[in-house]
Amino acid sequence: MKKAIIGKKVGMTQIFDETGKVIPVTVIEAGPCTVVQKKTAEKEGYASVQLGFSEVKENDLNKPELGHLKKAGVAPVKYLKEFRLEDTTSINVGDILKADVFAAGDKVDVTGISRGKGFAGVVKRHGAHIQKKSHGGGPVHRHAGSMGPIDPAHIFKGKIGAGHMGVDQVTVENLDVVKVDAEMNLIAVKGAIPGPKGGIVYIKNTVKNNRVKNTDTTISNNPQKASGRNPQKASARKA
């Protein structure tokens, strides 16, 4: 069953595993999230649930938002996010989802808004090359240079250039859940996730297909060998 939750980025730290190896992790305050709306394949054409996170005062919401939440009979929340799930039969409006929906060892995708870096040039924003610093290059070493072709006499749409950098939606896929603290509603995810401290992130099961590694030493992983091309036939031949 697919799972999802809304959280807030707390920061980064490190955890030591059983062998003493250091694991860099990002701590996320995941939930509690309230189920605000539920959609089904029979009525809306697809199955999904809308989760709410971070309770606020009624005065902090406008009338459409407040009416939507009062219709569901839930407390006012600041953030709403819809997640498409395969099976929503066990989830109902008003249910509370906490960090324990995930467990250590799960693979997740984390989506957030990247940190804003202001106005940046082509070298920092797109990794463009700088010009040579010899033979009278002048004060244009980090400029974009000529980019308009002669024939169309204009710059094509999508050409790299200077501009606003950051504040983009970024998804980091296939991260490992290292530890889950159900009492504190904290999830420790291996590696870095997008956004600043205090930024809102969305966690859900990964879309990656993680294959189980071959632990049978009698079957080769080399596709040039018969056991690698057809392991079922090789195992049957061995039996």
C-alpha atoms as a PDB file:
ATOM      1  CA  MET A   1       0.000   0.000   0.000  1.00  0.00           C
ATOM      2  CA  LYS A   2       1.271   3.459  -0.880  1.00  0.00           C
ATOM      3  CA  LYS A   3       1.733   5.925   1.980  1.00  0.00           C
ATOM      4  CA  ALA A   4       2.214   9.679   2.167  1.00  0.00           C
ATOM      5  CA  ILE A   5       2.492  12.457   4.730  1.00  0.00           C
ATOM      6  CA  ILE A   6       3.267  16.177   5.006  1.00  0.00           C
ATOM      7  CA  GLY A   7       6.180  17.337   7.129  1.00  0.00           C
ATOM      8  CA  LYS A   8       8.485  20.181   8.070  1.00  0.00           C
ATOM      9  CA  LYS A   9      12.257  20.093   7.598  1.00  0.00           C
ATOM     10  CA  VAL A  10      14.003  20.390  10.974  1.00  0.00           C
ATOM     11  CA  GLY A  11      17.641  20.113   9.905  1.00  0.00           C
ATOM     12  CA  MET A  12      20.494  17.673   9.375  1.00  0.00           C
ATOM     13  CA  THR A  13      22.408  15.510  11.828  1.00  0.00           C
ATOM     14  CA  GLN A  14      24.136  12.131  11.872  1.00  0.00           C
ATOM     15  CA  ILE A  15      23.227   8.698  13.213  1.00  0.00           C
ATOM     16  CA  PHE A  16      25.534   5.794  14.000  1.00  0.00           C
ATOM     17  CA  ASP A  17      24.400   2.323  12.903  1.00  0.00           C
ATOM     18  CA  GLU A  18      25.152  -0.992  14.617  1.00  0.00           C
ATOM     19  CA  THR A  19      28.595  -1.221  13.047  1.00  0.00           C
ATOM     20  CA  GLY A  20      29.564   2.317  14.075  1.00  0.00           C
ATOM     21  CA  LYS A  21      29.215   3.748  10.564  1.00  0.00           C
ATOM     22  CA  VAL A  22      28.113   7.386  10.357  1.00  0.00           C
ATOM     23  CA  ILE A  23      24.896   8.000   8.394  1.00  0.00           C
ATOM     24  CA  PRO A  24      24.067  11.637   7.460  1.00  0.00           C
ATOM     25  CA  VAL A  25      20.325  12.145   7.878  1.00  0.00           C
ATOM     26  CA  THR A  26      17.749  14.895   7.524  1.00  0.00           C
ATOM     27  CA  VAL A  27      15.230  15.093  10.369  1.00  0.00           C
ATOM     28  CA  ILE A  28      11.635  15.793   9.318  1.00  0.00           C
ATOM     29  CA  GLU A  29       8.743  16.618  11.634  1.00  0.00           C
ATOM     30  CA  ALA A  30       6.134  14.475   9.868  1.00  0.00           C
ATOM     31  CA  GLY A  31       2.528  15.061  10.904  1.00  0.00           C
ATOM     32  CA  PRO A  32       0.226  14.773  12.579  1.00  0.00           C
ATOM     33  CA  CYS A  33      -1.822  15.180   9.410  1.00  0.00           C
ATOM     34  CA  THR A  34      -5.607  15.195   9.215  1.00  0.00           C
ATOM     35  CA  VAL A  35      -7.490  13.579   6.328  1.00  0.00           C
ATOM     36  CA  VAL A  36      -9.534  16.484   4.952  1.00  0.00           C
ATOM     37  CA  GLN A  37     -10.953  14.936   1.780  1.00  0.00           C
ATOM     38  CA  LYS A  38     -11.206  11.520   0.191  1.00  0.00           C
ATOM     39  CA  LYS A  39     -11.752  10.791  -3.499  1.00  0.00           C
ATOM     40  CA  THR A  40     -12.723   7.446  -4.998  1.00  0.00           C
ATOM     41  CA  ALA A  41     -12.435   5.930  -8.453  1.00  0.00           C
ATOM     42  CA  GLU A  42     -16.225   5.473  -8.649  1.00  0.00           C
ATOM     43  CA  LYS A  43     -17.037   9.156  -8.077  1.00  0.00           C
ATOM     44  CA  GLU A  44     -14.029  11.228  -9.152  1.00  0.00           C
ATOM     45  CA  GLY A  45     -12.325   8.702 -11.442  1.00  0.00           C
ATOM     46  CA  TYR A  46      -9.241   8.173  -9.284  1.00  0.00           C
ATOM     47  CA  ALA A  47      -8.426   7.382  -5.668  1.00  0.00           C
ATOM     48  CA  SER A  48      -6.707   9.974  -3.500  1.00  0.00           C
ATOM     49  CA  VAL A  49      -6.717  11.608  -0.078  1.00  0.00           C
ATOM     50  CA  GLN A  50      -6.162  15.246   0.839  1.00  0.00           C
ATOM     51  CA  LEU A  51      -4.082  15.787   3.949  1.00  0.00           C
ATOM     52  CA  GLY A  52      -3.913  18.883   6.145  1.00  0.00           C
ATOM     53  CA  PHE A  53      -0.921  19.922   8.222  1.00  0.00           C
ATOM     54  CA  SER A  54      -0.085  22.612  10.832  1.00  0.00           C
ATOM     55  CA  GLU A  55      -3.145  23.845  12.737  1.00  0.00           C
ATOM     56  CA  VAL A  56      -3.823  27.597  12.643  1.00  0.00           C
ATOM     57  CA  LYS A  57      -6.456  30.060  13.821  1.00  0.00           C
ATOM     58  CA  GLU A  58      -9.613  30.587  11.774  1.00  0.00           C
ATOM     59  CA  ASN A  59      -8.648  34.232  11.188  1.00  0.00           C
ATOM     60  CA  ASP A  60      -5.569  33.085   9.254  1.00  0.00           C
ATOM     61  CA  LEU A  61      -7.691  31.463   6.524  1.00  0.00           C
ATOM     62  CA  ASN A  62      -9.991  32.922   3.902  1.00  0.00           C
ATOM     63  CA  LYS A  63     -13.652  31.983   3.619  1.00  0.00           C
ATOM     64  CA  PRO A  64     -13.294  29.333   0.845  1.00  0.00           C
ATOM     65  CA  GLU A  65     -10.526  27.535   2.762  1.00  0.00           C
ATOM     66  CA  LEU A  66     -12.453  27.729   6.030  1.00  0.00           C
ATOM     67  CA  GLY A  67     -15.651  26.473   4.397  1.00  0.00           C
ATOM     68  CA  HIS A  68     -13.802  23.518   2.844  1.00  0.00           C
ATOM     69  CA  LEU A  69     -12.409  22.502   6.239  1.00  0.00           C
ATOM     70  CA  LYS A  70     -15.700  23.009   8.099  1.00  0.00           C
ATOM     71  CA  LYS A  71     -17.460  20.810   5.561  1.00  0.00           C
ATOM     72  CA  ALA A  72     -15.007  18.021   6.423  1.00  0.00           C
ATOM     73  CA  GLY A  73     -15.460  18.705  10.145  1.00  0.00           C
ATOM     74  CA  VAL A  74     -11.733  19.142  10.835  1.00  0.00           C
ATOM     75  CA  ALA A  75      -9.729  21.836  12.605  1.00  0.00           C
ATOM     76  CA  PRO A  76      -8.298  24.698  10.522  1.00  0.00           C
ATOM     77  CA  VAL A  77      -4.942  23.803   8.956  1.00  0.00           C
ATOM     78  CA  LYS A  78      -2.470  25.895   6.978  1.00  0.00           C
ATOM     79  CA  TYR A  79      -1.231  23.409   4.366  1.00  0.00           C
ATOM     80  CA  LEU A  80      -3.256  21.082   2.144  1.00  0.00           C
ATOM     81  CA  LYS A  81      -1.884  18.460  -0.239  1.00  0.00           C
ATOM     82  CA  GLU A  82      -3.570  15.740  -2.264  1.00  0.00           C
ATOM     83  CA  PHE A  83      -1.853  12.379  -2.680  1.00  0.00           C
ATOM     84  CA  ARG A  84      -2.940   9.700  -5.126  1.00  0.00           C
ATOM     85  CA  LEU A  85      -2.994   6.337  -3.390  1.00  0.00           C
ATOM     86  CA  GLU A  86      -3.884   2.929  -4.773  1.00  0.00           C
ATOM     87  CA  ASP A  87      -5.992   1.779  -1.794  1.00  0.00           C
ATOM     88  CA  THR A  88      -7.884   4.293   0.357  1.00  0.00           C
ATOM     89  CA  THR A  89     -10.463   1.931   1.855  1.00  0.00           C
ATOM     90  CA  SER A  90      -8.819   2.003   5.276  1.00  0.00           C
ATOM     91  CA  ILE A  91      -8.570   5.831   5.345  1.00  0.00           C
ATOM     92  CA  ASN A  92     -11.532   8.057   6.185  1.00  0.00           C
ATOM     93  CA  VAL A  93     -12.105  11.799   6.540  1.00  0.00           C
ATOM     94  CA  GLY A  94     -11.043  12.938   9.996  1.00  0.00           C
ATOM     95  CA  ASP A  95      -8.360  10.283  10.499  1.00  0.00           C
ATOM     96  CA  ILE A  96      -5.020  11.370  11.910  1.00  0.00           C
ATOM     97  CA  LEU A  97      -1.846  10.173  10.168  1.00  0.00           C
ATOM     98  CA  LYS A  98       1.393  10.285  12.130  1.00  0.00           C
ATOM     99  CA  ALA A  99       5.029   9.562  11.388  1.00  0.00           C
ATOM    100  CA  ASP A 100       4.595   5.860  12.116  1.00  0.00           C
ATOM    101  CA  VAL A 101       2.908   5.357   8.724  1.00  0.00           C
ATOM    102  CA  PHE A 102       6.505   4.873   7.575  1.00  0.00           C
ATOM    103  CA  ALA A 103       9.038   2.493   9.086  1.00  0.00           C
ATOM    104  CA  ALA A 104      12.800   2.171   9.048  1.00  0.00           C
ATOM    105  CA  GLY A 105      13.945   0.643   5.767  1.00  0.00           C
ATOM    106  CA  ASP A 106      11.231   2.213   3.589  1.00  0.00           C
ATOM    107  CA  LYS A 107      12.187   3.935   0.334  1.00  0.00           C
ATOM    108  CA  VAL A 108      10.630   7.385  -0.079  1.00  0.00           C
ATOM    109  CA  ASP A 109      10.540  10.369  -2.419  1.00  0.00           C
ATOM    110  CA  VAL A 110      10.718  13.794  -0.758  1.00  0.00           C
ATOM    111  CA  THR A 111       9.421  16.920  -2.519  1.00  0.00           C
ATOM    112  CA  GLY A 112      10.145  20.471  -1.377  1.00  0.00           C
ATOM    113  CA  ILE A 113      10.846  24.016  -2.556  1.00  0.00           C
ATOM    114  CA  SER A 114      14.560  24.657  -3.021  1.00  0.00           C
ATOM    115  CA  ARG A 115      16.315  27.532  -1.305  1.00  0.00           C
ATOM    116  CA  GLY A 116      16.222  30.880  -3.079  1.00  0.00           C
ATOM    117  CA  LYS A 117      19.596  32.210  -4.255  1.00  0.00           C
ATOM    118  CA  GLY A 118      18.490  35.541  -5.706  1.00  0.00           C
ATOM    119  CA  PHE A 119      19.583  36.847  -9.115  1.00  0.00           C
ATOM    120  CA  ALA A 120      22.458  34.758 -10.487  1.00  0.00           C
ATOM    121  CA  GLY A 121      24.533  34.820 -13.646  1.00  0.00           C
ATOM    122  CA  VAL A 122      24.943  32.062 -16.225  1.00  0.00           C
ATOM    123  CA  VAL A 123      28.101  30.669 -14.591  1.00  0.00           C
ATOM    124  CA  LYS A 124      26.459  30.034 -11.213  1.00  0.00           C
ATOM    125  CA  ARG A 125      22.943  29.341 -12.536  1.00  0.00           C
ATOM    126  CA  HIS A 126      23.743  27.050 -15.476  1.00  0.00           C
ATOM    127  CA  GLY A 127      27.431  26.159 -15.084  1.00  0.00           C
ATOM    128  CA  ALA A 128      28.548  28.096 -18.163  1.00  0.00           C
ATOM    129  CA  HIS A 129      32.275  28.454 -18.905  1.00  0.00           C
ATOM    130  CA  ILE A 130      34.104  31.681 -18.168  1.00  0.00           C
ATOM    131  CA  GLN A 131      36.112  33.422 -20.880  1.00  0.00           C
ATOM    132  CA  LYS A 132      39.884  33.455 -21.018  1.00  0.00           C
ATOM    133  CA  LYS A 133      41.546  35.917 -18.676  1.00  0.00           C
ATOM    134  CA  SER A 134      44.399  36.813 -21.023  1.00  0.00           C
ATOM    135  CA  HIS A 135      44.852  39.051 -24.086  1.00  0.00           C
ATOM    136  CA  GLY A 136      42.515  41.854 -23.100  1.00  0.00           C
ATOM    137  CA  GLY A 137      39.457  39.939 -21.988  1.00  0.00           C
ATOM    138  CA  GLY A 138      38.226  42.959 -20.080  1.00  0.00           C
ATOM    139  CA  PRO A 139      35.433  42.897 -17.488  1.00  0.00           C
ATOM    140  CA  VAL A 140      33.324  40.292 -19.345  1.00  0.00           C
ATOM    141  CA  HIS A 141      34.855  37.021 -18.134  1.00  0.00           C
ATOM    142  CA  ARG A 142      31.576  35.801 -16.613  1.00  0.00           C
ATOM    143  CA  HIS A 143      29.221  37.216 -19.251  1.00  0.00           C
ATOM    144  CA  ALA A 144      27.067  34.978 -21.403  1.00  0.00           C
ATOM    145  CA  GLY A 145      28.498  36.261 -24.660  1.00  0.00           C
ATOM    146  CA  SER A 146      26.843  36.226 -28.080  1.00  0.00           C
ATOM    147  CA  MET A 147      23.843  33.892 -28.314  1.00  0.00           C
ATOM    148  CA  GLY A 148      21.613  35.228 -31.104  1.00  0.00           C
ATOM    149  CA  PRO A 149      22.029  33.430 -34.470  1.00  0.00           C
ATOM    150  CA  ILE A 150      22.305  35.647 -37.549  1.00  0.00           C
ATOM    151  CA  ASP A 151      19.608  33.992 -39.660  1.00  0.00           C
ATOM    152  CA  PRO A 152      16.556  34.090 -37.331  1.00  0.00           C
ATOM    153  CA  ALA A 153      17.926  37.289 -35.750  1.00  0.00           C
ATOM    154  CA  HIS A 154      16.538  36.494 -32.317  1.00  0.00           C
ATOM    155  CA  ILE A 155      17.298  34.318 -29.301  1.00  0.00           C
ATOM    156  CA  PHE A 156      15.461  31.013 -29.169  1.00  0.00           C
ATOM    157  CA  LYS A 157      13.121  30.376 -26.263  1.00  0.00           C
ATOM    158  CA  GLY A 158      14.732  28.329 -23.475  1.00  0.00           C
ATOM    159  CA  LYS A 159      18.247  29.672 -24.010  1.00  0.00           C
ATOM    160  CA  ILE A 160      20.235  29.776 -20.770  1.00  0.00           C
ATOM    161  CA  GLY A 161      20.780  33.169 -19.216  1.00  0.00           C
ATOM    162  CA  ALA A 162      21.024  35.101 -15.991  1.00  0.00           C
ATOM    163  CA  GLY A 163      17.954  35.295 -13.778  1.00  0.00           C
ATOM    164  CA  HIS A 164      16.203  34.237 -10.594  1.00  0.00           C
ATOM    165  CA  MET A 165      17.831  31.100  -9.172  1.00  0.00           C
ATOM    166  CA  GLY A 166      16.216  28.677  -6.750  1.00  0.00           C
ATOM    167  CA  VAL A 167      12.669  28.551  -5.314  1.00  0.00           C
ATOM    168  CA  ASP A 168      11.858  25.603  -7.588  1.00  0.00           C
ATOM    169  CA  GLN A 169       9.968  22.427  -6.754  1.00  0.00           C
ATOM    170  CA  VAL A 170      12.546  19.676  -6.385  1.00  0.00           C
ATOM    171  CA  THR A 171      11.976  15.972  -5.720  1.00  0.00           C
ATOM    172  CA  VAL A 172      14.733  13.738  -4.376  1.00  0.00           C
ATOM    173  CA  GLU A 173      13.898  10.110  -5.117  1.00  0.00           C
ATOM    174  CA  ASN A 174      14.682   6.768  -3.533  1.00  0.00           C
ATOM    175  CA  LEU A 175      15.837   7.915  -0.091  1.00  0.00           C
ATOM    176  CA  ASP A 176      16.140   5.497   2.835  1.00  0.00           C
ATOM    177  CA  VAL A 177      14.154   5.973   6.028  1.00  0.00           C
ATOM    178  CA  VAL A 178      16.764   5.376   8.735  1.00  0.00           C
ATOM    179  CA  LYS A 179      14.721   5.913  11.887  1.00  0.00           C
ATOM    180  CA  VAL A 180      11.151   6.800  12.912  1.00  0.00           C
ATOM    181  CA  ASP A 181      10.183   8.318  16.283  1.00  0.00           C
ATOM    182  CA  ALA A 182       6.413   7.906  16.609  1.00  0.00           C
ATOM    183  CA  GLU A 183       6.177   9.798  19.912  1.00  0.00           C
ATOM    184  CA  MET A 184       7.975  12.908  18.633  1.00  0.00           C
ATOM    185  CA  ASN A 185       6.581  12.536  15.068  1.00  0.00           C
ATOM    186  CA  LEU A 186      10.074  12.600  13.590  1.00  0.00           C
ATOM    187  CA  ILE A 187      11.441  10.782  10.540  1.00  0.00           C
ATOM    188  CA  ALA A 188      15.166  10.569   9.828  1.00  0.00           C
ATOM    189  CA  VAL A 189      15.868  10.242   6.090  1.00  0.00           C
ATOM    190  CA  LYS A 190      19.327   9.410   4.756  1.00  0.00           C
ATOM    191  CA  GLY A 191      20.879  12.239   2.771  1.00  0.00           C
ATOM    192  CA  ALA A 192      19.799  15.809   2.018  1.00  0.00           C
ATOM    193  CA  ILE A 193      16.372  17.038   0.958  1.00  0.00           C
ATOM    194  CA  PRO A 194      15.422  20.327  -0.750  1.00  0.00           C
ATOM    195  CA  GLY A 195      14.441  23.476   1.091  1.00  0.00           C
ATOM    196  CA  PRO A 196      15.545  25.520   4.099  1.00  0.00           C
ATOM    197  CA  LYS A 197      15.027  24.667   7.745  1.00  0.00           C
ATOM    198  CA  GLY A 198      11.341  24.980   8.518  1.00  0.00           C
ATOM    199  CA  GLY A 199      10.347  24.361   4.886  1.00  0.00           C
ATOM    200  CA  ILE A 200       7.332  22.188   4.091  1.00  0.00           C
ATOM    201  CA  VAL A 201       8.077  18.850   2.405  1.00  0.00           C
ATOM    202  CA  TYR A 202       5.915  16.035   1.074  1.00  0.00           C
ATOM    203  CA  ILE A 203       6.932  12.431   1.697  1.00  0.00           C
ATOM    204  CA  LYS A 204       5.553   9.443  -0.208  1.00  0.00           C
ATOM    205  CA  ASN A 205       6.584   5.987  -1.339  1.00  0.00           C
ATOM    206  CA  THR A 206       9.232   6.044  -4.027  1.00  0.00           C
ATOM    207  CA  VAL A 207       8.298   5.538  -7.653  1.00  0.00           C
ATOM    208  CA  LYS A 208      11.569   3.732  -8.267  1.00  0.00           C
ATOM    209  CA  ASN A 209      11.502  -0.028  -8.799  1.00  0.00           C
ATOM    210  CA  ASN A 210      14.004  -1.361  -6.270  1.00  0.00           C
ATOM    211  CA  ARG A 211      14.959  -4.856  -7.333  1.00  0.00           C
ATOM    212  CA  VAL A 212      16.049  -7.459  -4.829  1.00  0.00           C
ATOM    213  CA  LYS A 213      19.698  -8.363  -5.273  1.00  0.00           C
ATOM    214  CA  ASN A 214      20.602 -11.893  -6.285  1.00  0.00           C
ATOM    215  CA  THR A 215      21.902 -13.659  -3.180  1.00  0.00           C
ATOM    216  CA  ASP A 216      22.148 -17.087  -4.837  1.00  0.00           C
ATOM    217  CA  THR A 217      25.817 -17.564  -5.709  1.00  0.00           C
ATOM    218  CA  THR A 218      25.004 -20.490  -8.011  1.00  0.00           C
ATOM    219  CA  ILE A 219      23.250 -18.148 -10.452  1.00  0.00           C
ATOM    220  CA  SER A 220      25.474 -15.664 -12.238  1.00  0.00           C
ATOM    221  CA  ASN A 221      24.597 -11.999 -12.817  1.00  0.00           C
ATOM    222  CA  ASN A 222      26.521 -12.080 -16.104  1.00  0.00           C
ATOM    223  CA  PRO A 223      24.012 -12.051 -19.010  1.00  0.00           C
ATOM    224  CA  GLN A 224      26.594 -13.753 -21.251  1.00  0.00           C
ATOM    225  CA  LYS A 225      26.278 -16.917 -19.186  1.00  0.00           C
ATOM    226  CA  ALA A 226      23.343 -19.311 -19.425  1.00  0.00           C
ATOM    227  CA  SER A 227      22.467 -18.950 -15.736  1.00  0.00           C
ATOM    228  CA  GLY A 228      22.394 -15.165 -16.096  1.00  0.00           C
ATOM    229  CA  ARG A 229      20.150 -15.203 -19.190  1.00  0.00           C
ATOM    230  CA  ASN A 230      17.671 -17.727 -17.800  1.00  0.00           C
ATOM    231  CA  PRO A 231      18.116 -18.294 -14.052  1.00  0.00           C
ATOM    232  CA  GLN A 232      14.935 -20.408 -13.805  1.00  0.00           C
ATOM    233  CA  LYS A 233      16.250 -22.865 -16.368  1.00  0.00           C
ATOM    234  CA  ALA A 234      19.664 -22.907 -14.713  1.00  0.00           C
ATOM    235  CA  SER A 235      18.221 -23.639 -11.285  1.00  0.00           C
ATOM    236  CA  ALA A 236      16.001 -26.353 -12.718  1.00  0.00           C
ATOM    237  CA  ARG A 237      18.987 -27.883 -14.503  1.00  0.00           C
ATOM    238  CA  LYS A 238      20.907 -27.908 -11.243  1.00  0.00           C
ATOM    239  CA  ALA A 239      18.056 -29.694  -9.455  1.00  0.00           C
END
